[in-house]
Amino acid sequence: MEVKCELQAPDETNQTTVIFDRTGNVADFIREIRRALKILPLDK
């Protein structure tokens, strides 16, 4: 699976590109997105 996402903060100051190109499941993809956005595992 190869997914490219451009993520931008609401105030448009921070822009991050996440490229997920591993063979994994959806949980791995979500983990990569959360890591890029610096969301801790306990924050929901």
PDB file of N, CA and C in Angstrom:
ATOM      1  N   MET A   1       0.852  -1.163   0.000  1.00  0.00           N
ATOM      2  CA  MET A   1       0.000   0.000   0.000  1.00  0.00           C
ATOM      3  C   MET A   1       0.901   1.230   0.000  1.00  0.00           C
ATOM      4  N   GLU A   2       0.608   2.171  -0.871  1.00  0.00           N
ATOM      5  CA  GLU A   2       1.351   3.426  -0.886  1.00  0.00           C
ATOM      6  C   GLU A   2       0.352   4.568  -0.821  1.00  0.00           C
ATOM      7  N   VAL A   3       0.476   5.378   0.208  1.00  0.00           N
ATOM      8  CA  VAL A   3      -0.428   6.502   0.423  1.00  0.00           C
ATOM      9  C   VAL A   3       0.412   7.739   0.674  1.00  0.00           C
ATOM     10  N   LYS A   4       0.073   8.836   0.014  1.00  0.00           N
ATOM     11  CA  LYS A   4       0.746  10.113   0.256  1.00  0.00           C
ATOM     12  C   LYS A   4      -0.302  11.092   0.761  1.00  0.00           C
ATOM     13  N   CYS A   5      -0.046  11.683   1.916  1.00  0.00           N
ATOM     14  CA  CYS A   5      -0.977  12.629   2.530  1.00  0.00           C
ATOM     15  C   CYS A   5      -0.256  13.931   2.824  1.00  0.00           C
ATOM     16  N   GLU A   6      -0.897  15.036   2.509  1.00  0.00           N
ATOM     17  CA  GLU A   6      -0.384  16.340   2.911  1.00  0.00           C
ATOM     18  C   GLU A   6      -1.264  16.835   4.045  1.00  0.00           C
ATOM     19  N   LEU A   7      -0.652  17.040   5.192  1.00  0.00           N
ATOM     20  CA  LEU A   7      -1.378  17.461   6.381  1.00  0.00           C
ATOM     21  C   LEU A   7      -1.013  18.895   6.699  1.00  0.00           C
ATOM     22  N   GLN A   8      -2.024  19.680   7.059  1.00  0.00           N
ATOM     23  CA  GLN A   8      -1.783  21.088   7.363  1.00  0.00           C
ATOM     24  C   GLN A   8      -2.525  21.456   8.640  1.00  0.00           C
ATOM     25  N   ALA A   9      -1.863  22.217   9.485  1.00  0.00           N
ATOM     26  CA  ALA A   9      -2.466  22.659  10.737  1.00  0.00           C
ATOM     27  C   ALA A   9      -3.592  23.650  10.442  1.00  0.00           C
ATOM     28  N   PRO A  10      -4.555  23.775  11.356  1.00  0.00           N
ATOM     29  CA  PRO A  10      -5.669  24.705  11.132  1.00  0.00           C
ATOM     30  C   PRO A  10      -5.221  26.153  10.927  1.00  0.00           C
ATOM     31  N   ASP A  11      -4.132  26.549  11.552  1.00  0.00           N
ATOM     32  CA  ASP A  11      -3.673  27.931  11.388  1.00  0.00           C
ATOM     33  C   ASP A  11      -2.752  28.095  10.177  1.00  0.00           C
ATOM     34  N   GLU A  12      -2.589  27.028   9.397  1.00  0.00           N
ATOM     35  CA  GLU A  12      -1.832  27.018   8.144  1.00  0.00           C
ATOM     36  C   GLU A  12      -0.352  27.369   8.310  1.00  0.00           C
ATOM     37  N   THR A  13       0.202  27.152   9.498  1.00  0.00           N
ATOM     38  CA  THR A  13       1.619  27.443   9.704  1.00  0.00           C
ATOM     39  C   THR A  13       2.482  26.204   9.520  1.00  0.00           C
ATOM     40  N   ASN A  14       1.926  25.060   9.756  1.00  0.00           N
ATOM     41  CA  ASN A  14       2.679  23.810   9.690  1.00  0.00           C
ATOM     42  C   ASN A  14       2.112  22.928   8.592  1.00  0.00           C
ATOM     43  N   GLN A  15       2.962  22.473   7.694  1.00  0.00           N
ATOM     44  CA  GLN A  15       2.526  21.546   6.659  1.00  0.00           C
ATOM     45  C   GLN A  15       3.468  20.359   6.642  1.00  0.00           C
ATOM     46  N   THR A  16       2.895  19.162   6.639  1.00  0.00           N
ATOM     47  CA  THR A  16       3.672  17.935   6.701  1.00  0.00           C
ATOM     48  C   THR A  16       3.193  16.979   5.622  1.00  0.00           C
ATOM     49  N   THR A  17       4.106  16.299   4.985  1.00  0.00           N
ATOM     50  CA  THR A  17       3.761  15.266   4.015  1.00  0.00           C
ATOM     51  C   THR A  17       4.127  13.915   4.601  1.00  0.00           C
ATOM     52  N   VAL A  18       3.156  13.015   4.613  1.00  0.00           N
ATOM     53  CA  VAL A  18       3.366  11.664   5.124  1.00  0.00           C
ATOM     54  C   VAL A  18       3.282  10.702   3.949  1.00  0.00           C
ATOM     55  N   ILE A  19       4.304   9.899   3.770  1.00  0.00           N
ATOM     56  CA  ILE A  19       4.295   8.875   2.728  1.00  0.00           C
ATOM     57  C   ILE A  19       4.341   7.524   3.422  1.00  0.00           C
ATOM     58  N   PHE A  20       3.291   6.760   3.240  1.00  0.00           N
ATOM     59  CA  PHE A  20       3.190   5.432   3.850  1.00  0.00           C
ATOM     60  C   PHE A  20       3.322   4.415   2.728  1.00  0.00           C
ATOM     61  N   ASP A  21       4.433   3.723   2.669  1.00  0.00           N
ATOM     62  CA  ASP A  21       4.662   2.785   1.572  1.00  0.00           C
ATOM     63  C   ASP A  21       5.042   1.395   2.060  1.00  0.00           C
ATOM     64  N   ARG A  22       4.600   1.069   3.244  1.00  0.00           N
ATOM     65  CA  ARG A  22       4.900  -0.257   3.780  1.00  0.00           C
ATOM     66  C   ARG A  22       3.711  -1.178   3.553  1.00  0.00           C
ATOM     67  N   THR A  23       4.004  -2.450   3.605  1.00  0.00           N
ATOM     68  CA  THR A  23       2.909  -3.408   3.557  1.00  0.00           C
ATOM     69  C   THR A  23       2.462  -3.631   4.990  1.00  0.00           C
ATOM     70  N   GLY A  24       1.365  -3.057   5.333  1.00  0.00           N
ATOM     71  CA  GLY A  24       0.856  -3.149   6.694  1.00  0.00           C
ATOM     72  C   GLY A  24      -0.653  -2.990   6.685  1.00  0.00           C
ATOM     73  N   ASN A  25      -1.191  -2.884   7.857  1.00  0.00           N
ATOM     74  CA  ASN A  25      -2.636  -2.733   7.957  1.00  0.00           C
ATOM     75  C   ASN A  25      -2.993  -1.273   8.225  1.00  0.00           C
ATOM     76  N   VAL A  26      -4.256  -1.022   8.403  1.00  0.00           N
ATOM     77  CA  VAL A  26      -4.735   0.342   8.609  1.00  0.00           C
ATOM     78  C   VAL A  26      -4.204   0.913   9.921  1.00  0.00           C
ATOM     79  N   ALA A  27      -4.022   0.074  10.922  1.00  0.00           N
ATOM     80  CA  ALA A  27      -3.500   0.545  12.208  1.00  0.00           C
ATOM     81  C   ALA A  27      -2.096   1.130  12.054  1.00  0.00           C
ATOM     82  N   ASP A  28      -1.269   0.524  11.205  1.00  0.00           N
ATOM     83  CA  ASP A  28       0.071   1.064  10.949  1.00  0.00           C
ATOM     84  C   ASP A  28      -0.017   2.430  10.281  1.00  0.00           C
ATOM     85  N   PHE A  29      -0.952   2.570   9.348  1.00  0.00           N
ATOM     86  CA  PHE A  29      -1.150   3.847   8.663  1.00  0.00           C
ATOM     87  C   PHE A  29      -1.582   4.931   9.648  1.00  0.00           C
ATOM     88  N   ILE A  30      -2.523   4.605  10.515  1.00  0.00           N
ATOM     89  CA  ILE A  30      -3.005   5.568  11.513  1.00  0.00           C
ATOM     90  C   ILE A  30      -1.881   5.942  12.469  1.00  0.00           C
ATOM     91  N   ARG A  31      -1.056   4.976  12.850  1.00  0.00           N
ATOM     92  CA  ARG A  31       0.085   5.250  13.716  1.00  0.00           C
ATOM     93  C   ARG A  31       1.038   6.255  13.073  1.00  0.00           C
ATOM     94  N   GLU A  32       1.292   6.110  11.773  1.00  0.00           N
ATOM     95  CA  GLU A  32       2.175   7.038  11.063  1.00  0.00           C
ATOM     96  C   GLU A  32       1.579   8.441  11.014  1.00  0.00           C
ATOM     97  N   ILE A  33       0.281   8.543  10.778  1.00  0.00           N
ATOM     98  CA  ILE A  33      -0.391   9.849  10.743  1.00  0.00           C
ATOM     99  C   ILE A  33      -0.314  10.506  12.113  1.00  0.00           C
ATOM    100  N   ARG A  34      -0.613   9.738  13.168  1.00  0.00           N
ATOM    101  CA  ARG A  34      -0.557  10.293  14.523  1.00  0.00           C
ATOM    102  C   ARG A  34       0.853  10.736  14.888  1.00  0.00           C
ATOM    103  N   ARG A  35       1.864   9.978  14.430  1.00  0.00           N
ATOM    104  CA  ARG A  35       3.258  10.343  14.701  1.00  0.00           C
ATOM    105  C   ARG A  35       3.612  11.640  13.979  1.00  0.00           C
ATOM    106  N   ALA A  36       3.153  11.791  12.753  1.00  0.00           N
ATOM    107  CA  ALA A  36       3.448  13.009  11.986  1.00  0.00           C
ATOM    108  C   ALA A  36       2.769  14.231  12.593  1.00  0.00           C
ATOM    109  N   LEU A  37       1.562  14.033  13.132  1.00  0.00           N
ATOM    110  CA  LEU A  37       0.828  15.142  13.742  1.00  0.00           C
ATOM    111  C   LEU A  37       1.197  15.354  15.204  1.00  0.00           C
ATOM    112  N   LYS A  38       2.077  14.493  15.720  1.00  0.00           N
ATOM    113  CA  LYS A  38       2.529  14.563  17.113  1.00  0.00           C
ATOM    114  C   LYS A  38       1.367  14.429  18.092  1.00  0.00           C
ATOM    115  N   ILE A  39       0.488  13.463  17.809  1.00  0.00           N
ATOM    116  CA  ILE A  39      -0.625  13.146  18.699  1.00  0.00           C
ATOM    117  C   ILE A  39      -0.198  11.946  19.538  1.00  0.00           C
ATOM    118  N   LEU A  40      -0.201  12.110  20.838  1.00  0.00           N
ATOM    119  CA  LEU A  40       0.195  11.023  21.729  1.00  0.00           C
ATOM    120  C   LEU A  40      -0.840   9.901  21.698  1.00  0.00           C
ATOM    121  N   PRO A  41      -0.428   8.654  21.948  1.00  0.00           N
ATOM    122  CA  PRO A  41      -1.367   7.532  21.926  1.00  0.00           C
ATOM    123  C   PRO A  41      -2.507   7.672  22.928  1.00  0.00           C
ATOM    124  N   LEU A  42      -2.289   8.406  24.005  1.00  0.00           N
ATOM    125  CA  LEU A  42      -3.337   8.548  25.017  1.00  0.00           C
ATOM    126  C   LEU A  42      -4.293   9.688  24.710  1.00  0.00           C
ATOM    127  N   ASP A  43      -3.958  10.567  23.779  1.00  0.00           N
ATOM    128  CA  ASP A  43      -4.848  11.662  23.386  1.00  0.00           C
ATOM    129  C   ASP A  43      -5.879  11.124  22.408  1.00  0.00           C
ATOM    130  N   LYS A  44      -7.139  11.426  22.687  1.00  0.00           N
ATOM    131  CA  LYS A  44      -8.205  10.957  21.782  1.00  0.00           C
ATOM    132  C   LYS A  44      -9.164  12.067  21.492  1.00  0.00           C
TER     133      LYS A  44
END
